[in-house]
All heavy atoms as atom14 arrays in JSON, in Angstrom:
{
  "sequence": "YGFTSGHYANYFNTMLDHNGEAVRSKGFITDDLTDKAIGFIEKNKEK",
  "atom14_mask": [
    [1, 1, 1, 1, 1, 1, 1, 1, 1, 1, 1, 1, 0, 0],
    [1, 1, 1, 1, 0, 0, 0, 0, 0, 0, 0, 0, 0, 0],
    [1, 1, 1, 1, 1, 1, 1, 1, 1, 1, 1, 0, 0, 0],
    [1, 1, 1, 1, 1, 1, 1, 0, 0, 0, 0, 0, 0, 0],
    [1, 1, 1, 1, 1, 1, 0, 0, 0, 0, 0, 0, 0, 0],
    [1, 1, 1, 1, 0, 0, 0, 0, 0, 0, 0, 0, 0, 0],
    [1, 1, 1, 1, 1, 1, 1, 1, 1, 1, 0, 0, 0, 0],
    [1, 1, 1, 1, 1, 1, 1, 1, 1, 1, 1, 1, 0, 0],
    [1, 1, 1, 1, 1, 0, 0, 0, 0, 0, 0, 0, 0, 0],
    [1, 1, 1, 1, 1, 1, 1, 1, 0, 0, 0, 0, 0, 0],
    [1, 1, 1, 1, 1, 1, 1, 1, 1, 1, 1, 1, 0, 0],
    [1, 1, 1, 1, 1, 1, 1, 1, 1, 1, 1, 0, 0, 0],
    [1, 1, 1, 1, 1, 1, 1, 1, 0, 0, 0, 0, 0, 0],
    [1, 1, 1, 1, 1, 1, 1, 0, 0, 0, 0, 0, 0, 0],
    [1, 1, 1, 1, 1, 1, 1, 1, 0, 0, 0, 0, 0, 0],
    [1, 1, 1, 1, 1, 1, 1, 1, 0, 0, 0, 0, 0, 0],
    [1, 1, 1, 1, 1, 1, 1, 1, 0, 0, 0, 0, 0, 0],
    [1, 1, 1, 1, 1, 1, 1, 1, 1, 1, 0, 0, 0, 0],
    [1, 1, 1, 1, 1, 1, 1, 1, 0, 0, 0, 0, 0, 0],
    [1, 1, 1, 1, 0, 0, 0, 0, 0, 0, 0, 0, 0, 0],
    [1, 1, 1, 1, 1, 1, 1, 1, 1, 0, 0, 0, 0, 0],
    [1, 1, 1, 1, 1, 0, 0, 0, 0, 0, 0, 0, 0, 0],
    [1, 1, 1, 1, 1, 1, 1, 0, 0, 0, 0, 0, 0, 0],
    [1, 1, 1, 1, 1, 1, 1, 1, 1, 1, 1, 0, 0, 0],
    [1, 1, 1, 1, 1, 1, 0, 0, 0, 0, 0, 0, 0, 0],
    [1, 1, 1, 1, 1, 1, 1, 1, 1, 0, 0, 0, 0, 0],
    [1, 1, 1, 1, 0, 0, 0, 0, 0, 0, 0, 0, 0, 0],
    [1, 1, 1, 1, 1, 1, 1, 1, 1, 1, 1, 0, 0, 0],
    [1, 1, 1, 1, 1, 1, 1, 1, 0, 0, 0, 0, 0, 0],
    [1, 1, 1, 1, 1, 1, 1, 0, 0, 0, 0, 0, 0, 0],
    [1, 1, 1, 1, 1, 1, 1, 1, 0, 0, 0, 0, 0, 0],
    [1, 1, 1, 1, 1, 1, 1, 1, 0, 0, 0, 0, 0, 0],
    [1, 1, 1, 1, 1, 1, 1, 1, 0, 0, 0, 0, 0, 0],
    [1, 1, 1, 1, 1, 1, 1, 0, 0, 0, 0, 0, 0, 0],
    [1, 1, 1, 1, 1, 1, 1, 1, 0, 0, 0, 0, 0, 0],
    [1, 1, 1, 1, 1, 1, 1, 1, 1, 0, 0, 0, 0, 0],
    [1, 1, 1, 1, 1, 0, 0, 0, 0, 0, 0, 0, 0, 0],
    [1, 1, 1, 1, 1, 1, 1, 1, 0, 0, 0, 0, 0, 0],
    [1, 1, 1, 1, 0, 0, 0, 0, 0, 0, 0, 0, 0, 0],
    [1, 1, 1, 1, 1, 1, 1, 1, 1, 1, 1, 0, 0, 0],
    [1, 1, 1, 1, 1, 1, 1, 1, 0, 0, 0, 0, 0, 0],
    [1, 1, 1, 1, 1, 1, 1, 1, 1, 0, 0, 0, 0, 0],
    [1, 1, 1, 1, 1, 1, 1, 1, 1, 0, 0, 0, 0, 0],
    [1, 1, 1, 1, 1, 1, 1, 1, 0, 0, 0, 0, 0, 0],
    [1, 1, 1, 1, 1, 1, 1, 1, 1, 0, 0, 0, 0, 0],
    [1, 1, 1, 1, 1, 1, 1, 1, 1, 0, 0, 0, 0, 0],
    [1, 1, 1, 1, 1, 1, 1, 1, 1, 0, 0, 0, 0, 0]
  ],
  "atom14_positions": [
    [[0.87, -1.18, 0.0], [0.0, 0.0, 0.0], [0.9, 1.22, 0.0], [1.69, 1.42, 0.93], [-0.9, 0.0, 1.24], [-1.83, 1.19, 1.33], [-3.07, 1.18, 0.7], [-1.47, 2.32, 2.05], [-3.93, 2.26, 0.78], [-2.32, 3.41, 2.14], [-3.54, 3.38, 1.51], [-4.4, 4.46, 1.6], [0.0, 0.0, 0.0], [0.0, 0.0, 0.0]],
    [[0.82, 2.02, -1.05], [1.68, 3.19, -1.14], [1.82, 3.65, -2.57], [0.87, 3.61, -3.35], [0.0, 0.0, 0.0], [0.0, 0.0, 0.0], [0.0, 0.0, 0.0], [0.0, 0.0, 0.0], [0.0, 0.0, 0.0], [0.0, 0.0, 0.0], [0.0, 0.0, 0.0], [0.0, 0.0, 0.0], [0.0, 0.0, 0.0], [0.0, 0.0, 0.0]],
    [[3.01, 4.1, -2.95], [3.26, 4.49, -4.34], [4.64, 3.99, -4.74], [5.52, 3.78, -3.9], [3.1, 6.0, -4.55], [4.0, 6.87, -3.73], [5.21, 7.33, -4.23], [3.62, 7.28, -2.45], [6.03, 8.16, -3.48], [4.43, 8.12, -1.69], [5.64, 8.55, -2.21], [0.0, 0.0, 0.0], [0.0, 0.0, 0.0], [0.0, 0.0, 0.0]],
    [[4.81, 3.77, -6.03], [6.01, 3.08, -6.5], [7.07, 4.0, -7.09], [8.2, 3.58, -7.31], [5.63, 2.03, -7.58], [4.94, 2.69, -8.64], [4.74, 0.94, -6.99], [0.0, 0.0, 0.0], [0.0, 0.0, 0.0], [0.0, 0.0, 0.0], [0.0, 0.0, 0.0], [0.0, 0.0, 0.0], [0.0, 0.0, 0.0], [0.0, 0.0, 0.0]],
    [[6.73, 5.28, -7.33], [7.69, 6.19, -7.95], [8.4, 7.02, -6.89], [8.32, 6.75, -5.7], [6.96, 7.11, -8.94], [6.04, 7.94, -8.27], [0.0, 0.0, 0.0], [0.0, 0.0, 0.0], [0.0, 0.0, 0.0], [0.0, 0.0, 0.0], [0.0, 0.0, 0.0], [0.0, 0.0, 0.0], [0.0, 0.0, 0.0], [0.0, 0.0, 0.0]],
    [[9.09, 8.07, -7.33], [9.82, 8.92, -6.41], [9.0, 10.11, -5.96], [8.1, 9.97, -5.14], [0.0, 0.0, 0.0], [0.0, 0.0, 0.0], [0.0, 0.0, 0.0], [0.0, 0.0, 0.0], [0.0, 0.0, 0.0], [0.0, 0.0, 0.0], [0.0, 0.0, 0.0], [0.0, 0.0, 0.0], [0.0, 0.0, 0.0], [0.0, 0.0, 0.0]],
    [[9.29, 11.29, -6.53], [8.54, 12.49, -6.16], [7.04, 12.21, -6.28], [6.59, 11.61, -7.25], [8.86, 13.66, -7.1], [10.27, 14.13, -7.03], [11.3, 13.47, -7.65], [10.83, 15.2, -6.41], [12.43, 14.14, -7.43], [12.18, 15.18, -6.68], [0.0, 0.0, 0.0], [0.0, 0.0, 0.0], [0.0, 0.0, 0.0], [0.0, 0.0, 0.0]],
    [[6.28, 12.69, -5.29], [4.84, 12.5, -5.36], [4.16, 13.85, -5.26], [4.67, 14.79, -4.64], [4.36, 11.55, -4.26], [3.24, 10.65, -4.73], [3.44, 9.8, -5.81], [2.0, 10.66, -4.13], [2.42, 8.97, -6.27], [0.97, 9.84, -4.58], [1.2, 8.99, -5.66], [0.19, 8.2, -6.12], [0.0, 0.0, 0.0], [0.0, 0.0, 0.0]],
    [[2.96, 13.95, -5.86], [2.34, 15.25, -6.06], [1.63, 15.8, -4.83], [1.64, 17.01, -4.6], [1.35, 15.17, -7.23], [0.0, 0.0, 0.0], [0.0, 0.0, 0.0], [0.0, 0.0, 0.0], [0.0, 0.0, 0.0], [0.0, 0.0, 0.0], [0.0, 0.0, 0.0], [0.0, 0.0, 0.0], [0.0, 0.0, 0.0], [0.0, 0.0, 0.0]],
    [[1.03, 14.93, -4.04], [0.12, 15.41, -2.99], [0.13, 14.43, -1.83], [0.13, 13.21, -2.05], [-1.28, 15.56, -3.57], [-2.26, 16.17, -2.6], [-1.87, 16.83, -1.63], [-3.53, 15.96, -2.82], [0.0, 0.0, 0.0], [0.0, 0.0, 0.0], [0.0, 0.0, 0.0], [0.0, 0.0, 0.0], [0.0, 0.0, 0.0], [0.0, 0.0, 0.0]],
    [[0.09, 14.94, -0.6], [0.17, 14.07, 0.58], [-1.15, 14.0, 1.36], [-1.18, 13.39, 2.42], [1.28, 14.57, 1.51], [2.69, 14.4, 0.96], [3.77, 15.02, 1.57], [2.94, 13.6, -0.16], [5.07, 14.86, 1.08], [4.22, 13.45, -0.66], [5.28, 14.08, -0.03], [6.56, 13.92, -0.51], [0.0, 0.0, 0.0], [0.0, 0.0, 0.0]],
    [[-2.19, 14.61, 0.83], [-3.5, 14.53, 1.48], [-4.52, 13.92, 0.52], [-4.68, 14.39, -0.62], [-4.0, 15.92, 1.9], [-3.29, 16.51, 3.08], [-2.15, 17.29, 2.92], [-3.76, 16.31, 4.37], [-1.49, 17.85, 4.0], [-3.11, 16.86, 5.47], [-1.97, 17.63, 5.28], [0.0, 0.0, 0.0], [0.0, 0.0, 0.0], [0.0, 0.0, 0.0]],
    [[-5.2, 12.87, 0.95], [-6.3, 12.27, 0.18], [-5.9, 12.06, -1.28], [-6.59, 12.5, -2.21], [-7.54, 13.16, 0.27], [-7.97, 13.41, 1.71], [-8.08, 12.49, 2.51], [-8.18, 14.67, 2.05], [0.0, 0.0, 0.0], [0.0, 0.0, 0.0], [0.0, 0.0, 0.0], [0.0, 0.0, 0.0], [0.0, 0.0, 0.0], [0.0, 0.0, 0.0]],
    [[-4.8, 11.39, -1.48], [-4.24, 11.22, -2.82], [-4.47, 9.8, -3.33], [-4.93, 8.92, -2.6], [-2.74, 11.55, -2.78], [-2.24, 11.64, -4.11], [-1.94, 10.5, -2.01], [0.0, 0.0, 0.0], [0.0, 0.0, 0.0], [0.0, 0.0, 0.0], [0.0, 0.0, 0.0], [0.0, 0.0, 0.0], [0.0, 0.0, 0.0], [0.0, 0.0, 0.0]],
    [[-4.15, 9.57, -4.58], [-4.3, 8.25, -5.17], [-3.05, 7.4, -4.9], [-1.93, 7.84, -5.17], [-4.53, 8.34, -6.69], [-5.82, 9.03, -7.07], [-7.3, 8.29, -6.29], [-7.26, 6.64, -7.0], [0.0, 0.0, 0.0], [0.0, 0.0, 0.0], [0.0, 0.0, 0.0], [0.0, 0.0, 0.0], [0.0, 0.0, 0.0], [0.0, 0.0, 0.0]],
    [[-3.28, 6.2, -4.36], [-2.2, 5.28, -4.05], [-2.46, 3.93, -4.7], [-3.48, 3.72, -5.35], [-2.05, 5.13, -2.53], [-1.64, 6.39, -1.75], [-1.55, 6.08, -0.25], [-0.32, 6.96, -2.25], [0.0, 0.0, 0.0], [0.0, 0.0, 0.0], [0.0, 0.0, 0.0], [0.0, 0.0, 0.0], [0.0, 0.0, 0.0], [0.0, 0.0, 0.0]],
    [[-1.52, 3.05, -4.54], [-1.55, 1.7, -5.11], [-1.74, 0.7, -3.97], [-0.96, 0.68, -3.01], [-0.22, 1.45, -5.84], [-0.08, 0.04, -6.4], [-0.51, -0.94, -5.76], [0.54, -0.09, -7.48], [0.0, 0.0, 0.0], [0.0, 0.0, 0.0], [0.0, 0.0, 0.0], [0.0, 0.0, 0.0], [0.0, 0.0, 0.0], [0.0, 0.0, 0.0]],
    [[-2.79, -0.12, -4.05], [-2.97, -1.22, -3.09], [-2.96, -2.52, -3.87], [-3.92, -2.86, -4.55], [-4.27, -1.07, -2.31], [-4.43, -2.1, -1.23], [-5.64, -2.55, -0.78], [-3.49, -2.79, -0.5], [-5.47, -3.46, 0.17], [-4.16, -3.61, 0.34], [0.0, 0.0, 0.0], [0.0, 0.0, 0.0], [0.0, 0.0, 0.0], [0.0, 0.0, 0.0]],
    [[-1.84, -3.21, -3.81], [-1.67, -4.48, -4.53], [-2.03, -4.35, -6.0], [-2.67, -5.23, -6.6], [-2.5, -5.58, -3.87], [-2.03, -5.91, -2.48], [-0.86, -5.71, -2.14], [-2.92, -6.4, -1.64], [0.0, 0.0, 0.0], [0.0, 0.0, 0.0], [0.0, 0.0, 0.0], [0.0, 0.0, 0.0], [0.0, 0.0, 0.0], [0.0, 0.0, 0.0]],
    [[-1.6, -3.23, -6.61], [-1.81, -3.04, -8.04], [-3.07, -2.32, -8.42], [-3.27, -2.01, -9.6], [0.0, 0.0, 0.0], [0.0, 0.0, 0.0], [0.0, 0.0, 0.0], [0.0, 0.0, 0.0], [0.0, 0.0, 0.0], [0.0, 0.0, 0.0], [0.0, 0.0, 0.0], [0.0, 0.0, 0.0], [0.0, 0.0, 0.0], [0.0, 0.0, 0.0]],
    [[-3.96, -2.05, -7.47], [-5.21, -1.35, -7.75], [-5.12, 0.08, -7.23], [-4.61, 0.32, -6.14], [-6.39, -2.07, -7.09], [-6.6, -3.5, -7.58], [-7.04, -3.58, -9.03], [-7.64, -2.58, -9.52], [-6.8, -4.61, -9.68], [0.0, 0.0, 0.0], [0.0, 0.0, 0.0], [0.0, 0.0, 0.0], [0.0, 0.0, 0.0], [0.0, 0.0, 0.0]],
    [[-5.66, 1.02, -8.0], [-5.65, 2.42, -7.58], [-6.71, 2.65, -6.51], [-7.88, 2.27, -6.67], [-5.91, 3.32, -8.79], [0.0, 0.0, 0.0], [0.0, 0.0, 0.0], [0.0, 0.0, 0.0], [0.0, 0.0, 0.0], [0.0, 0.0, 0.0], [0.0, 0.0, 0.0], [0.0, 0.0, 0.0], [0.0, 0.0, 0.0], [0.0, 0.0, 0.0]],
    [[-6.31, 3.27, -5.41], [-7.22, 3.59, -4.31], [-6.9, 5.0, -3.81], [-5.8, 5.49, -4.01], [-7.1, 2.59, -3.14], [-7.52, 1.18, -3.57], [-5.67, 2.56, -2.59], [0.0, 0.0, 0.0], [0.0, 0.0, 0.0], [0.0, 0.0, 0.0], [0.0, 0.0, 0.0], [0.0, 0.0, 0.0], [0.0, 0.0, 0.0], [0.0, 0.0, 0.0]],
    [[-7.88, 5.63, -3.18], [-7.65, 6.95, -2.62], [-7.33, 6.84, -1.14], [-8.03, 6.16, -0.39], [-8.85, 7.87, -2.85], [-8.55, 9.33, -2.44], [-9.57, 10.3, -2.97], [-9.53, 10.44, -4.42], [-8.63, 11.16, -5.1], [-7.66, 11.79, -4.44], [-8.68, 11.25, -6.4], [0.0, 0.0, 0.0], [0.0, 0.0, 0.0], [0.0, 0.0, 0.0]],
    [[-6.28, 7.52, -0.73], [-5.87, 7.5, 0.67], [-6.81, 8.38, 1.49], [-7.62, 9.14, 0.95], [-4.43, 7.99, 0.81], [-4.33, 9.36, 0.44], [0.0, 0.0, 0.0], [0.0, 0.0, 0.0], [0.0, 0.0, 0.0], [0.0, 0.0, 0.0], [0.0, 0.0, 0.0], [0.0, 0.0, 0.0], [0.0, 0.0, 0.0], [0.0, 0.0, 0.0]],
    [[-6.65, 8.31, 2.8], [-7.51, 9.06, 3.7], [-6.66, 9.92, 4.62], [-5.85, 9.41, 5.39], [-8.38, 8.1, 4.54], [-9.36, 8.8, 5.46], [-10.2, 7.79, 6.23], [-11.17, 8.49, 7.17], [-11.99, 7.5, 7.95], [0.0, 0.0, 0.0], [0.0, 0.0, 0.0], [0.0, 0.0, 0.0], [0.0, 0.0, 0.0], [0.0, 0.0, 0.0]],
    [[-6.83, 11.24, 4.52], [-6.1, 12.14, 5.39], [-4.65, 12.31, 4.99], [-4.27, 12.12, 3.83], [0.0, 0.0, 0.0], [0.0, 0.0, 0.0], [0.0, 0.0, 0.0], [0.0, 0.0, 0.0], [0.0, 0.0, 0.0], [0.0, 0.0, 0.0], [0.0, 0.0, 0.0], [0.0, 0.0, 0.0], [0.0, 0.0, 0.0], [0.0, 0.0, 0.0]],
    [[-3.81, 12.69, 5.95], [-2.39, 12.9, 5.69], [-1.7, 11.56, 5.48], [-1.92, 10.59, 6.19], [-1.75, 13.66, 6.86], [-0.32, 14.01, 6.63], [0.06, 14.78, 5.54], [0.67, 13.58, 7.5], [1.39, 15.11, 5.32], [2.0, 13.92, 7.3], [2.37, 14.68, 6.2], [0.0, 0.0, 0.0], [0.0, 0.0, 0.0], [0.0, 0.0, 0.0]],
    [[-0.82, 11.52, 4.5], [-0.3, 10.24, 4.01], [0.48, 9.46, 5.07], [0.35, 8.23, 5.16], [0.55, 10.47, 2.74], [0.85, 9.13, 2.06], [1.8, 11.27, 3.04], [1.41, 9.27, 0.65], [0.0, 0.0, 0.0], [0.0, 0.0, 0.0], [0.0, 0.0, 0.0], [0.0, 0.0, 0.0], [0.0, 0.0, 0.0], [0.0, 0.0, 0.0]],
    [[1.27, 10.14, 5.91], [2.03, 9.41, 6.93], [1.1, 8.75, 7.94], [1.32, 7.61, 8.36], [3.03, 10.33, 7.64], [3.84, 10.99, 6.65], [3.92, 9.56, 8.6], [0.0, 0.0, 0.0], [0.0, 0.0, 0.0], [0.0, 0.0, 0.0], [0.0, 0.0, 0.0], [0.0, 0.0, 0.0], [0.0, 0.0, 0.0], [0.0, 0.0, 0.0]],
    [[0.03, 9.45, 8.31], [-0.97, 8.87, 9.2], [-1.65, 7.67, 8.54], [-1.87, 6.63, 9.18], [-2.04, 9.91, 9.57], [-1.46, 11.12, 10.27], [-0.39, 11.0, 10.9], [-2.08, 12.2, 10.19], [0.0, 0.0, 0.0], [0.0, 0.0, 0.0], [0.0, 0.0, 0.0], [0.0, 0.0, 0.0], [0.0, 0.0, 0.0], [0.0, 0.0, 0.0]],
    [[-1.97, 7.82, 7.27], [-2.69, 6.77, 6.54], [-1.81, 5.53, 6.36], [-2.27, 4.39, 6.55], [-3.13, 7.31, 5.18], [-4.01, 6.33, 4.42], [-5.02, 5.87, 4.98], [-3.68, 6.02, 3.26], [0.0, 0.0, 0.0], [0.0, 0.0, 0.0], [0.0, 0.0, 0.0], [0.0, 0.0, 0.0], [0.0, 0.0, 0.0], [0.0, 0.0, 0.0]],
    [[-0.56, 5.72, 6.01], [0.36, 4.59, 5.87], [0.5, 3.84, 7.19], [0.56, 2.61, 7.23], [1.73, 5.07, 5.38], [1.78, 5.67, 3.97], [3.15, 6.28, 3.71], [1.43, 4.64, 2.91], [0.0, 0.0, 0.0], [0.0, 0.0, 0.0], [0.0, 0.0, 0.0], [0.0, 0.0, 0.0], [0.0, 0.0, 0.0], [0.0, 0.0, 0.0]],
    [[0.55, 4.6, 8.28], [0.66, 3.98, 9.6], [-0.6, 3.19, 9.94], [-0.51, 2.09, 10.51], [0.91, 5.06, 10.67], [2.08, 5.81, 10.3], [1.14, 4.44, 12.03], [0.0, 0.0, 0.0], [0.0, 0.0, 0.0], [0.0, 0.0, 0.0], [0.0, 0.0, 0.0], [0.0, 0.0, 0.0], [0.0, 0.0, 0.0], [0.0, 0.0, 0.0]],
    [[-1.76, 3.73, 9.6], [-3.02, 2.98, 9.8], [-2.94, 1.62, 9.12], [-3.3, 0.59, 9.71], [-4.21, 3.75, 9.22], [-4.57, 4.99, 10.01], [-4.13, 5.11, 11.17], [-5.3, 5.85, 9.46], [0.0, 0.0, 0.0], [0.0, 0.0, 0.0], [0.0, 0.0, 0.0], [0.0, 0.0, 0.0], [0.0, 0.0, 0.0], [0.0, 0.0, 0.0]],
    [[-2.47, 1.61, 7.89], [-2.43, 0.36, 7.12], [-1.37, -0.59, 7.69], [-1.57, -1.81, 7.73], [-2.16, 0.65, 5.65], [-3.22, 1.53, 4.98], [-4.6, 0.92, 5.08], [-5.62, 1.7, 4.25], [-5.88, 3.06, 4.78], [0.0, 0.0, 0.0], [0.0, 0.0, 0.0], [0.0, 0.0, 0.0], [0.0, 0.0, 0.0], [0.0, 0.0, 0.0]],
    [[-0.24, -0.06, 8.12], [0.8, -0.9, 8.72], [0.3, -1.53, 10.02], [0.53, -2.73, 10.28], [2.07, -0.08, 8.97], [0.0, 0.0, 0.0], [0.0, 0.0, 0.0], [0.0, 0.0, 0.0], [0.0, 0.0, 0.0], [0.0, 0.0, 0.0], [0.0, 0.0, 0.0], [0.0, 0.0, 0.0], [0.0, 0.0, 0.0], [0.0, 0.0, 0.0]],
    [[-0.38, -0.75, 10.84], [-0.93, -1.28, 12.08], [-1.98, -2.35, 11.8], [-2.02, -3.39, 12.48], [-1.51, -0.13, 12.93], [-0.37, 0.7, 13.54], [-2.42, -0.66, 14.03], [-0.83, 1.94, 14.27], [0.0, 0.0, 0.0], [0.0, 0.0, 0.0], [0.0, 0.0, 0.0], [0.0, 0.0, 0.0], [0.0, 0.0, 0.0], [0.0, 0.0, 0.0]],
    [[-2.8, -2.12, 10.78], [-3.77, -3.14, 10.39], [-3.11, -4.44, 9.98], [-3.59, -5.53, 10.31], [0.0, 0.0, 0.0], [0.0, 0.0, 0.0], [0.0, 0.0, 0.0], [0.0, 0.0, 0.0], [0.0, 0.0, 0.0], [0.0, 0.0, 0.0], [0.0, 0.0, 0.0], [0.0, 0.0, 0.0], [0.0, 0.0, 0.0], [0.0, 0.0, 0.0]],
    [[-2.0, -4.33, 9.26], [-1.25, -5.52, 8.85], [-0.7, -6.26, 10.07], [-0.76, -7.49, 10.15], [-0.12, -5.1, 7.92], [0.84, -6.2, 7.55], [0.55, -7.08, 6.53], [2.05, -6.35, 8.23], [1.44, -8.1, 6.19], [2.94, -7.35, 7.9], [2.63, -8.23, 6.88], [0.0, 0.0, 0.0], [0.0, 0.0, 0.0], [0.0, 0.0, 0.0]],
    [[-0.15, -5.51, 11.03], [0.39, -6.13, 12.24], [-0.71, -6.85, 13.01], [-0.53, -7.99, 13.47], [1.07, -5.06, 13.11], [2.35, -4.56, 12.43], [1.39, -5.6, 14.5], [2.97, -3.34, 13.08], [0.0, 0.0, 0.0], [0.0, 0.0, 0.0], [0.0, 0.0, 0.0], [0.0, 0.0, 0.0], [0.0, 0.0, 0.0], [0.0, 0.0, 0.0]],
    [[-1.86, -6.19, 13.14], [-2.98, -6.82, 13.85], [-3.43, -8.09, 13.15], [-3.7, -9.11, 13.79], [-4.14, -5.84, 13.96], [-3.89, -4.69, 14.92], [-5.03, -3.69, 14.93], [-5.63, -3.45, 13.86], [-5.32, -3.13, 16.02], [0.0, 0.0, 0.0], [0.0, 0.0, 0.0], [0.0, 0.0, 0.0], [0.0, 0.0, 0.0], [0.0, 0.0, 0.0]],
    [[-3.5, -8.06, 11.84], [-3.97, -9.21, 11.05], [-3.02, -10.4, 11.17], [-3.44, -11.56, 11.1], [-4.14, -8.8, 9.59], [-4.7, -9.9, 8.69], [-5.0, -9.37, 7.29], [-3.75, -9.02, 6.53], [-4.01, -8.63, 5.12], [0.0, 0.0, 0.0], [0.0, 0.0, 0.0], [0.0, 0.0, 0.0], [0.0, 0.0, 0.0], [0.0, 0.0, 0.0]],
    [[-1.73, -10.1, 11.35], [-0.72, -11.17, 11.36], [-0.08, -11.38, 12.73], [1.02, -11.95, 12.83], [0.36, -10.85, 10.32], [-0.18, -10.87, 8.91], [-0.42, -11.94, 8.34], [-0.38, -9.7, 8.33], [0.0, 0.0, 0.0], [0.0, 0.0, 0.0], [0.0, 0.0, 0.0], [0.0, 0.0, 0.0], [0.0, 0.0, 0.0], [0.0, 0.0, 0.0]],
    [[-0.76, -10.99, 13.79], [-0.19, -11.07, 15.13], [0.08, -12.5, 15.59], [0.88, -12.72, 16.49], [-1.1, -10.36, 16.12], [-2.49, -10.99, 16.26], [-3.38, -10.18, 17.18], [-4.78, -10.8, 17.27], [-5.67, -10.0, 18.14], [0.0, 0.0, 0.0], [0.0, 0.0, 0.0], [0.0, 0.0, 0.0], [0.0, 0.0, 0.0], [0.0, 0.0, 0.0]],
    [[-0.59, -13.46, 14.98], [-0.42, -14.85, 15.41], [0.67, -15.58, 14.63], [0.86, -16.78, 14.82], [-1.75, -15.61, 15.26], [-2.9, -15.03, 16.07], [-2.66, -15.1, 17.56], [-1.85, -15.95, 17.99], [-3.26, -14.3, 18.3], [0.0, 0.0, 0.0], [0.0, 0.0, 0.0], [0.0, 0.0, 0.0], [0.0, 0.0, 0.0], [0.0, 0.0, 0.0]],
    [[1.34, -14.9, 13.72], [2.41, -15.54, 12.95], [3.52, -14.53, 12.73], [3.33, -13.33, 12.89], [1.87, -16.07, 11.63], [1.19, -15.04, 10.76], [0.58, -15.71, 9.53], [-0.23, -14.72, 8.71], [-0.89, -15.36, 7.56], [0.0, 0.0, 0.0], [0.0, 0.0, 0.0], [0.0, 0.0, 0.0], [0.0, 0.0, 0.0], [0.0, 0.0, 0.0]]
  ]
}
């Protein structure tokens, strides 16, 4: 979940890549990336 290039245009409510599909982020990008990382940790806490 994120973007694959270098310079990016916008850090609020921008278009990102989720497993190859275009999705719109929510809020400020660093907060949003952290939300998704925490969700991943919660989902995989047993392994």
